[in-house]
């Protein structure tokens, strides 16, 4: 046995050696802690997985939003490029042009290469922008001005609207003020207004001319009748007969102008009846003869129509001959000749009465030949330019055609064709 001084106390060993119960408790505690740690790990794993899913969804949403924004940007740019009005974005304080769509470049005549400088804008536009930037004009005010390019005038209407740059603080004193200009081409509207005004003036003038022509025609008829009675007076001297002849020529020339005004401003077609062409031509030539004699021009009629008739109006056909005669006398020197000839031309579908009115005058220049039937066109100040227009209108009302051939210094021939009954 060990000495008493080396013996181990029994109580001490009992305290240091764990009992099975204690080991079991410690193991249970370890298992519980491990379970809690594993549970926390799975919860953390689930949270990370959920966060990853949310992040992926947000990334997909962000990518979709960016793609949608790009599509919207492209669409808006296409819309901006196809707008029928010009759009300009400016930084007025910096005097910089931020954006111009193609229509704005066209209207302002700005080159399509690169960003143009500030002075590329027309002076009137820069003035309007400066006034708007200095708050000297109200927002959405419209300014119209004229731009001349290659001799052509174009009217533009500009509306301005100021906006704040989103990249700058609204309360900042150094914020950059951007301005949007909307530009419209109002040239067509201007021209339409001018045409309407001109039409109103023409209508008023036509009404006045028609009223005057009606008022003048009755006294002219009386003068023509009295002049005819005087011409038949056998007791007149040769000088008096010459005076009467001049009076008849003047009255008939004035009557031609009055009848042209009335026919030009009269709407609708005249009442047509069978007309003997030969008798009508003879009557018209005799009516015109005093004018030809006064001008010293020989007037002759050559016809081979017999009893040919067309559907028409006798006064209208006489007016055609009178207008052609007045036109020829203005361009035929004394000693010249005017010849009216008529014949029948057979066709497969029937017959046509052909009337030719020829003179030996100065002729018509090629540049004027296509315009002689236009209303108001005249190469002299002696005519209002209605005679040949009325001729074509009357011929077309008779279902006929009228053509012209002319050579300078060789004379002119008008050829008319009418369907025979």
Protein backbone atom coordinates (compact mmCIF):
# COMPACT_ATOMS: atom_id res chain seq x y z
CA UNK A 1 0.00 0.00 0.00
CA UNK A 2 1.07 3.54 -0.61
CA UNK A 3 2.03 5.70 2.16
CA UNK A 4 -0.67 7.90 3.45
CA UNK A 5 0.99 10.97 2.04
CA UNK A 6 0.65 9.59 -1.55
CA UNK A 7 -2.91 8.45 -1.48
CA UNK A 8 -5.37 10.08 -3.86
CA UNK A 9 -8.48 11.36 -2.17
CA UNK A 10 -11.58 9.54 -3.32
CA UNK A 11 -13.66 12.70 -3.47
CA UNK A 12 -11.23 14.36 -5.89
CA UNK A 13 -11.44 11.54 -8.45
CA UNK A 14 -15.20 11.53 -8.27
CA UNK A 15 -15.21 15.25 -9.16
CA UNK A 16 -12.88 15.06 -12.19
CA UNK A 17 -14.22 11.97 -13.91
CA UNK A 18 -17.48 12.77 -15.94
CA UNK A 19 -20.32 10.57 -15.34
CA UNK A 20 -22.25 8.96 -18.22
CA UNK A 21 -25.14 11.30 -17.60
CA UNK A 22 -22.93 14.30 -18.00
CA UNK A 23 -21.43 12.94 -21.22
CA UNK A 24 -24.86 12.29 -22.62
CA UNK A 25 -25.99 15.84 -21.80
CA UNK A 26 -22.89 17.33 -23.34
CA UNK A 27 -23.36 15.28 -26.47
CA UNK A 28 -27.01 16.26 -26.68
CA UNK A 29 -26.01 19.93 -26.36
CA UNK A 30 -23.44 19.50 -29.10
CA UNK A 31 -26.01 17.81 -31.34
CA UNK A 32 -28.50 20.62 -30.67
CA UNK A 33 -25.89 23.29 -31.45
CA UNK A 34 -24.93 21.45 -34.62
CA UNK A 35 -28.59 21.24 -35.62
CA UNK A 36 -29.06 24.93 -34.99
CA UNK A 37 -25.95 25.70 -37.00
CA UNK A 38 -27.15 23.47 -39.83
CA UNK A 39 -30.60 25.09 -39.70
CA UNK A 40 -29.03 28.54 -39.78
CA UNK A 41 -26.88 27.43 -42.71
CA UNK A 42 -29.92 26.25 -44.65
CA UNK A 43 -31.80 29.43 -43.84
CA UNK A 44 -28.82 31.47 -45.01
CA UNK A 45 -28.58 29.28 -48.12
CA UNK A 46 -32.28 29.76 -48.85
CA UNK A 47 -31.98 33.52 -48.32
CA UNK A 48 -28.96 33.68 -50.64
CA UNK A 49 -30.85 31.62 -53.23
CA UNK A 50 -33.87 33.91 -52.92
CA UNK A 51 -31.70 37.00 -53.17
CA UNK A 52 -29.98 35.53 -56.22
CA UNK A 53 -33.37 34.88 -57.83
CA UNK A 54 -34.53 38.41 -57.03
CA UNK A 55 -31.27 39.81 -58.36
CA UNK A 56 -31.61 37.80 -61.57
CA UNK A 57 -35.21 38.94 -61.96
CA UNK A 58 -34.18 42.54 -61.39
CA UNK A 59 -31.32 42.14 -63.84
CA UNK A 60 -33.72 40.72 -66.41
CA UNK A 61 -36.18 43.55 -65.71
CA UNK A 62 -33.37 46.08 -66.00
CA UNK A 63 -32.17 44.53 -69.27
CA UNK A 64 -35.73 44.52 -70.58
CA UNK A 65 -36.17 48.12 -69.48
CA UNK A 66 -32.93 49.13 -71.19
CA UNK A 67 -33.98 47.31 -74.36
CA UNK A 68 -37.41 48.94 -74.21
CA UNK A 69 -35.79 52.33 -73.66
CA UNK A 70 -33.57 51.72 -76.67
CA UNK A 71 -36.57 50.71 -78.77
CA UNK A 72 -38.43 53.77 -77.56
CA UNK A 73 -35.43 55.97 -78.33
CA UNK A 74 -35.20 54.54 -81.86
CA UNK A 75 -38.96 54.87 -82.35
CA UNK A 76 -38.98 58.45 -81.08
CA UNK A 77 -36.05 59.29 -83.33
CA UNK A 78 -37.86 57.79 -86.32
CA UNK A 79 -41.00 59.73 -85.41
CA UNK A 80 -38.93 62.89 -85.05
CA UNK A 81 -37.27 62.31 -88.42
CA UNK A 82 -40.59 61.74 -90.20
CA UNK A 83 -42.52 64.63 -88.67
CA UNK A 84 -43.91 67.05 -91.28
CA UNK A 85 -42.74 69.98 -89.14
CA UNK A 86 -39.25 71.02 -88.13
CA UNK A 87 -38.03 70.40 -84.56
CA UNK A 88 -34.99 72.18 -83.15
CA UNK A 89 -33.58 71.85 -79.62
CA UNK A 90 -31.31 74.70 -78.53
CA UNK A 91 -29.31 75.71 -75.48
CA UNK A 92 -30.04 79.40 -75.66
CA UNK A 93 -27.65 80.51 -72.90
CA UNK A 94 -24.71 78.70 -74.51
CA UNK A 95 -25.84 79.45 -78.06
CA UNK A 96 -25.60 75.81 -79.06
CA UNK A 97 -27.76 73.69 -81.35
CA UNK A 98 -28.50 70.36 -79.67
CA UNK A 99 -30.74 68.65 -82.21
CA UNK A 100 -32.35 69.23 -85.61
CA UNK A 101 -34.63 66.85 -87.42
CA UNK A 102 -34.39 66.55 -91.24
CA UNK A 103 -37.42 68.77 -91.84
CA UNK A 104 -35.88 71.55 -89.74
CA UNK A 105 -32.67 71.31 -91.77
CA UNK A 106 -34.68 71.55 -94.97
CA UNK A 107 -36.81 74.48 -93.86
CA UNK A 108 -33.86 76.42 -92.48
CA UNK A 109 -31.59 75.45 -95.40
CA UNK A 110 -28.96 73.98 -93.05
CA UNK A 111 -26.48 71.38 -94.27
CA UNK A 112 -27.06 67.81 -93.10
CA UNK A 113 -23.38 67.27 -92.22
CA UNK A 114 -22.60 67.36 -88.49
CA UNK A 115 -23.91 69.72 -85.84
CA UNK A 116 -24.25 73.21 -87.33
CA UNK A 117 -22.95 76.30 -85.54
CA UNK A 118 -25.23 78.82 -83.89
CA UNK A 119 -24.94 81.34 -86.72
CA UNK A 120 -26.28 78.74 -89.16
CA UNK A 121 -29.73 79.68 -87.91
CA UNK A 122 -31.39 82.55 -89.80
CA UNK A 123 -31.01 85.92 -88.12
CA UNK A 124 -34.77 86.21 -87.55
CA UNK A 125 -34.76 82.86 -85.73
CA UNK A 126 -31.83 83.85 -83.49
CA UNK A 127 -33.57 87.11 -82.65
CA UNK A 128 -36.78 85.28 -81.69
CA UNK A 129 -34.79 82.81 -79.56
CA UNK A 130 -32.92 85.59 -77.76
CA UNK A 131 -36.16 87.42 -77.02
CA UNK A 132 -37.69 84.22 -75.67
CA UNK A 133 -34.60 83.47 -73.55
CA UNK A 134 -34.81 86.96 -72.04
CA UNK A 135 -38.50 86.40 -71.29
CA UNK A 136 -39.44 89.18 -73.70
CA UNK A 137 -42.08 86.98 -75.36
CA UNK A 138 -44.67 84.60 -73.99
CA UNK A 139 -44.26 80.82 -74.18
CA UNK A 140 -45.85 79.21 -77.23
CA UNK A 141 -45.83 82.52 -79.08
CA UNK A 142 -45.71 82.12 -82.85
CA UNK A 143 -43.56 84.20 -85.17
CA UNK A 144 -43.92 84.17 -88.94
CA UNK A 145 -41.20 85.38 -91.26
CA UNK A 146 -40.12 85.05 -94.87
CA UNK A 147 -37.01 83.23 -96.11
CA UNK A 148 -35.68 83.82 -99.61
CA UNK A 149 -33.72 81.08 -101.33
CA UNK A 150 -32.67 81.07 -104.98
CA UNK A 151 -35.22 83.77 -105.73
CA UNK A 152 -38.11 81.84 -104.14
CA UNK A 153 -39.91 83.07 -101.05
CA UNK A 154 -40.90 80.66 -98.30
CA UNK A 155 -42.94 81.60 -95.23
CA UNK A 156 -42.15 79.88 -91.92
CA UNK A 157 -44.09 79.85 -88.66
CA UNK A 158 -42.00 79.23 -85.50
CA UNK A 159 -43.34 78.39 -82.04
CA UNK A 160 -40.92 78.26 -79.10
CA UNK A 161 -41.16 76.58 -75.71
CA UNK A 162 -38.49 76.77 -72.98
CA UNK A 163 -37.64 73.74 -70.82
CA UNK A 164 -35.25 73.08 -67.95
CA UNK A 165 -32.35 70.66 -68.45
CA UNK A 166 -33.07 67.58 -66.32
CA UNK A 167 -29.34 67.20 -65.53
CA UNK A 168 -29.26 70.52 -63.67
CA UNK A 169 -30.78 71.63 -60.43
CA UNK A 170 -33.99 73.55 -60.98
CA UNK A 171 -32.98 76.15 -58.36
CA UNK A 172 -29.44 76.43 -59.65
CA UNK A 173 -28.49 79.84 -60.96
CA UNK A 174 -26.22 78.30 -63.58
CA UNK A 175 -28.79 75.88 -64.95
CA UNK A 176 -28.79 75.60 -68.71
CA UNK A 177 -32.02 76.69 -70.38
CA UNK A 178 -33.04 74.55 -73.33
CA UNK A 179 -35.58 75.63 -75.88
CA UNK A 180 -37.67 73.69 -78.38
CA UNK A 181 -38.61 75.29 -81.69
CA UNK A 182 -41.46 73.92 -83.78
CA UNK A 183 -41.21 75.13 -87.39
CA UNK A 184 -44.01 74.87 -89.96
CA UNK A 185 -43.95 75.80 -93.63
CA UNK A 186 -46.91 78.15 -94.18
CA UNK A 187 -46.06 79.03 -97.77
CA UNK A 188 -49.00 77.07 -99.17
CA UNK A 189 -51.38 78.80 -96.75
CA UNK A 190 -49.96 82.20 -97.69
CA UNK A 191 -50.32 81.42 -101.38
CA UNK A 192 -53.85 80.11 -100.84
CA UNK A 193 -54.76 83.34 -99.04
CA UNK A 194 -53.27 85.37 -101.87
CA UNK A 195 -55.17 83.29 -104.44
CA UNK A 196 -58.40 83.71 -102.49
CA UNK A 197 -57.85 87.44 -102.29
CA UNK A 198 -57.06 87.58 -106.00
CA UNK A 199 -60.15 85.48 -106.73
CA UNK A 200 -62.32 87.80 -104.65
CA UNK A 201 -60.90 90.76 -106.53
CA UNK A 202 -61.50 89.04 -109.87
CA UNK A 203 -65.07 88.18 -108.92
CA UNK A 204 -65.73 91.78 -107.86
CA UNK A 205 -64.12 93.05 -111.05
CA UNK A 206 -66.10 90.56 -113.15
CA UNK A 207 -69.36 91.63 -111.53
CA UNK A 208 -68.55 95.28 -112.11
CA UNK A 209 -67.46 94.62 -115.72
CA UNK A 210 -70.62 92.61 -116.39
CA UNK A 211 -72.84 95.33 -114.99
CA UNK A 212 -71.03 97.97 -117.05
CA UNK A 213 -71.19 95.80 -120.18
CA UNK A 214 -74.94 95.35 -119.76
CA UNK A 215 -75.40 99.07 -119.26
CA UNK A 216 -73.26 99.91 -122.30
CA UNK A 217 -74.68 97.31 -124.69
CA UNK A 218 -78.10 98.93 -125.07
CA UNK A 219 -76.78 102.41 -125.98
CA UNK A 220 -74.31 100.73 -128.36
CA UNK A 221 -77.18 98.99 -130.10
CA UNK A 222 -78.91 102.29 -130.56
CA UNK A 223 -75.73 103.90 -131.90
CA UNK A 224 -75.24 100.99 -134.31
CA UNK A 225 -78.80 101.36 -135.58
CA UNK A 226 -78.47 105.13 -136.04
CA UNK A 227 -75.09 104.75 -137.76
CA UNK A 228 -76.61 102.20 -140.14
CA UNK A 229 -79.47 104.57 -140.98
CA UNK A 230 -77.03 107.40 -141.60
CA UNK A 231 -74.93 105.22 -143.89
CA UNK A 232 -78.00 104.57 -146.08
CA UNK A 233 -78.78 108.27 -146.46
CA UNK A 234 -78.23 109.12 -150.12
CA UNK A 235 -77.89 112.81 -149.40
CA UNK A 236 -74.63 112.50 -147.46
CA UNK A 237 -71.49 113.93 -148.91
CA UNK A 238 -68.39 111.79 -149.39
CA UNK A 239 -66.81 113.27 -146.28
CA UNK A 240 -69.93 112.59 -144.23
CA UNK A 241 -70.05 109.02 -145.48
CA UNK A 242 -66.44 108.56 -144.38
CA UNK A 243 -67.29 109.98 -140.96
CA UNK A 244 -70.22 107.58 -140.68
CA UNK A 245 -67.98 104.72 -141.70
CA UNK A 246 -65.52 105.60 -138.93
CA UNK A 247 -68.42 105.87 -136.50
CA UNK A 248 -69.63 102.40 -137.46
CA UNK A 249 -66.12 100.97 -137.07
CA UNK A 250 -65.72 102.51 -133.62
CA UNK A 251 -69.14 101.35 -132.44
CA UNK A 252 -68.57 97.81 -133.70
CA UNK A 253 -65.10 97.64 -132.13
CA UNK A 254 -66.54 98.75 -128.80
CA UNK A 255 -69.40 96.29 -129.23
CA UNK A 256 -66.85 93.51 -129.68
CA UNK A 257 -65.20 94.31 -126.35
CA UNK A 258 -68.55 94.52 -124.54
CA UNK A 259 -69.72 91.19 -125.96
CA UNK A 260 -66.41 89.54 -125.04
CA UNK A 261 -66.77 90.67 -121.43
CA UNK A 262 -70.32 89.37 -121.24
CA UNK A 263 -69.48 86.03 -122.82
CA UNK A 264 -66.35 85.51 -120.74
CA UNK A 265 -68.21 86.02 -117.45
CA UNK A 266 -71.36 84.13 -118.50
CA UNK A 267 -71.61 80.56 -117.20
CA UNK A 268 -73.29 77.68 -118.99
CA UNK A 269 -73.81 76.82 -122.64
CA UNK A 270 -75.99 78.87 -125.00
CA UNK A 271 -79.16 77.54 -126.54
CA UNK A 272 -78.16 75.87 -129.81
CA UNK A 273 -80.27 75.56 -132.95
CA UNK A 274 -79.49 74.63 -136.58
CA UNK A 275 -77.46 77.47 -138.09
CA UNK A 276 -76.73 78.12 -141.77
CA UNK A 277 -72.95 78.52 -141.78
CA UNK A 278 -72.68 80.37 -145.11
CA UNK A 279 -75.28 83.00 -144.19
CA UNK A 280 -73.71 83.49 -140.78
CA UNK A 281 -70.25 84.00 -142.27
CA UNK A 282 -71.55 86.53 -144.81
CA UNK A 283 -73.32 88.50 -142.11
CA UNK A 284 -70.23 88.46 -139.86
CA UNK A 285 -67.88 89.56 -142.66
CA UNK A 286 -70.14 92.45 -143.61
CA UNK A 287 -70.35 93.49 -139.98
CA UNK A 288 -66.54 93.53 -139.78
CA UNK A 289 -65.97 95.23 -143.15
CA UNK A 290 -66.10 98.84 -141.82
CA UNK A 291 -63.29 97.97 -139.39
CA UNK A 292 -61.17 96.54 -142.21
CA UNK A 293 -61.81 99.55 -144.47
CA UNK A 294 -60.90 101.94 -141.68
CA UNK A 295 -57.57 100.08 -141.20
CA UNK A 296 -56.86 99.94 -144.95
CA UNK A 297 -56.96 96.13 -145.03
CA UNK A 298 -58.69 94.07 -147.71
CA UNK A 299 -61.32 91.64 -146.37
CA UNK A 300 -62.63 88.81 -148.55
CA UNK A 301 -64.84 85.74 -148.11
CA UNK A 302 -64.47 82.49 -150.03
CA UNK A 303 -66.95 79.80 -149.16
CA UNK A 304 -68.33 76.64 -150.73
CA UNK A 305 -70.80 75.54 -148.08
CA UNK A 306 -74.15 75.88 -149.91
CA UNK A 307 -76.88 75.11 -147.35
CA UNK A 308 -74.61 73.45 -144.76
CA UNK A 309 -75.93 73.67 -141.20
CA UNK A 310 -74.34 73.07 -137.82
CA UNK A 311 -75.86 72.97 -134.36
CA UNK A 312 -74.96 76.24 -132.71
CA UNK A 313 -75.72 79.90 -132.09
CA UNK A 314 -75.54 82.50 -134.85
CA UNK A 315 -74.46 85.37 -132.56
CA UNK A 316 -71.69 83.23 -131.11
CA UNK A 317 -70.24 82.35 -134.52
CA UNK A 318 -70.40 85.99 -135.57
CA UNK A 319 -68.57 86.93 -132.37
CA UNK A 320 -65.77 84.49 -133.28
CA UNK A 321 -65.30 86.10 -136.69
CA UNK A 322 -65.43 89.59 -135.16
CA UNK A 323 -62.81 88.69 -132.51
CA UNK A 324 -60.49 87.11 -135.07
CA UNK A 325 -60.88 90.14 -137.32
CA UNK A 326 -60.09 92.60 -134.53
CA UNK A 327 -57.08 90.53 -133.54
CA UNK A 328 -55.83 90.37 -137.16
CA UNK A 329 -56.35 94.11 -137.77
CA UNK A 330 -54.16 94.96 -134.77
CA UNK A 331 -51.26 93.03 -136.32
CA UNK A 332 -51.81 93.69 -140.05
CA UNK A 333 -50.38 96.79 -141.62
CA UNK A 334 -52.40 98.92 -144.10
CA UNK A 335 -52.37 97.27 -147.51
CA UNK A 336 -52.54 93.78 -146.00
CA UNK A 337 -55.29 91.25 -146.52
CA UNK A 338 -57.63 89.10 -144.42
CA UNK A 339 -59.26 86.06 -146.02
CA UNK A 340 -62.11 83.99 -144.60
CA UNK A 341 -62.56 80.67 -146.39
CA UNK A 342 -64.96 77.80 -145.70
CA UNK A 343 -65.42 74.32 -147.14
CA UNK A 344 -66.77 70.87 -146.36
CA UNK A 345 -64.42 68.03 -145.41
CA UNK A 346 -65.84 64.52 -145.71
CA UNK A 347 -65.16 62.06 -142.90
CA UNK A 348 -65.99 58.41 -142.29
CA UNK A 349 -68.41 59.41 -139.55
CA UNK A 350 -69.97 62.33 -141.47
CA UNK A 351 -68.95 65.77 -142.66
CA UNK A 352 -67.12 68.66 -141.06
CA UNK A 353 -67.40 72.36 -141.83
CA UNK A 354 -63.90 73.84 -142.02
CA UNK A 355 -63.50 77.61 -141.57
CA UNK A 356 -60.07 79.22 -141.97
CA UNK A 357 -59.31 82.81 -141.01
CA UNK A 358 -55.98 83.99 -142.49
CA UNK A 359 -54.14 87.30 -142.42
CA UNK A 360 -50.88 88.65 -143.85
CA UNK A 361 -49.88 90.32 -140.58
CA UNK A 362 -46.76 90.21 -138.45
CA UNK A 363 -47.40 86.69 -137.15
CA UNK A 364 -47.05 85.26 -133.65
CA UNK A 365 -43.71 84.46 -132.05
CA UNK A 366 -43.17 80.78 -131.04
CA UNK A 367 -42.90 81.61 -127.32
CA UNK A 368 -46.34 83.27 -127.43
CA UNK A 369 -48.07 80.71 -129.64
CA UNK A 370 -49.02 78.39 -126.76
CA UNK A 371 -50.43 81.23 -124.64
CA UNK A 372 -52.65 83.15 -127.02
CA UNK A 373 -55.84 81.46 -125.72
CA UNK A 374 -55.06 82.24 -122.06
CA UNK A 375 -57.40 84.77 -120.41
CA UNK A 376 -55.77 88.18 -120.12
CA UNK A 377 -52.78 87.35 -122.33
CA UNK A 378 -52.01 90.06 -124.87
CA UNK A 379 -48.90 91.30 -126.60
CA UNK A 380 -50.31 94.81 -127.03
CA UNK A 381 -51.97 97.33 -124.76
CA UNK A 382 -54.83 97.72 -127.22
CA UNK A 383 -56.54 94.51 -126.10
CA UNK A 384 -57.70 93.17 -122.70
CA UNK A 385 -56.73 89.66 -123.82
CA UNK A 386 -60.23 88.14 -123.89
CA UNK A 387 -60.94 87.86 -127.63
CA UNK A 388 -59.16 84.59 -128.44
CA UNK A 389 -60.22 83.09 -125.10
CA UNK A 390 -63.84 83.77 -125.98
CA UNK A 391 -63.26 82.33 -129.46
CA UNK A 392 -62.04 79.02 -128.09
CA UNK A 393 -64.88 78.88 -125.56
CA UNK A 394 -67.53 79.51 -128.25
CA UNK A 395 -65.96 76.98 -130.66
CA UNK A 396 -65.87 74.31 -127.92
CA UNK A 397 -69.50 75.06 -127.02
CA UNK A 398 -70.28 74.23 -130.66
CA UNK A 399 -68.42 70.90 -130.27
CA UNK A 400 -65.73 72.22 -132.61
CA UNK A 401 -61.97 72.63 -132.52
CA UNK A 402 -59.72 75.62 -133.17
CA UNK A 403 -56.04 75.51 -134.11
CA UNK A 404 -53.51 78.15 -135.06
CA UNK A 405 -50.50 78.25 -137.38
CA UNK A 406 -48.26 81.28 -137.61
CA UNK A 407 -44.87 82.44 -138.84
CA UNK A 408 -43.23 85.72 -138.00
CA UNK A 409 -43.68 88.32 -140.77
CA UNK A 410 -45.65 85.74 -142.77
CA UNK A 411 -49.10 85.94 -141.17
CA UNK A 412 -51.41 83.76 -139.10
CA UNK A 413 -54.14 81.23 -139.89
CA UNK A 414 -56.84 80.06 -137.48
CA UNK A 415 -58.52 76.81 -138.51
CA UNK A 416 -61.90 75.83 -137.03
CA UNK A 417 -63.83 72.63 -137.61
CA UNK A 418 -67.49 72.00 -136.72
CA UNK A 419 -69.56 68.81 -137.10
CA UNK A 420 -72.21 69.17 -139.80
CA UNK A 421 -75.81 68.17 -139.17
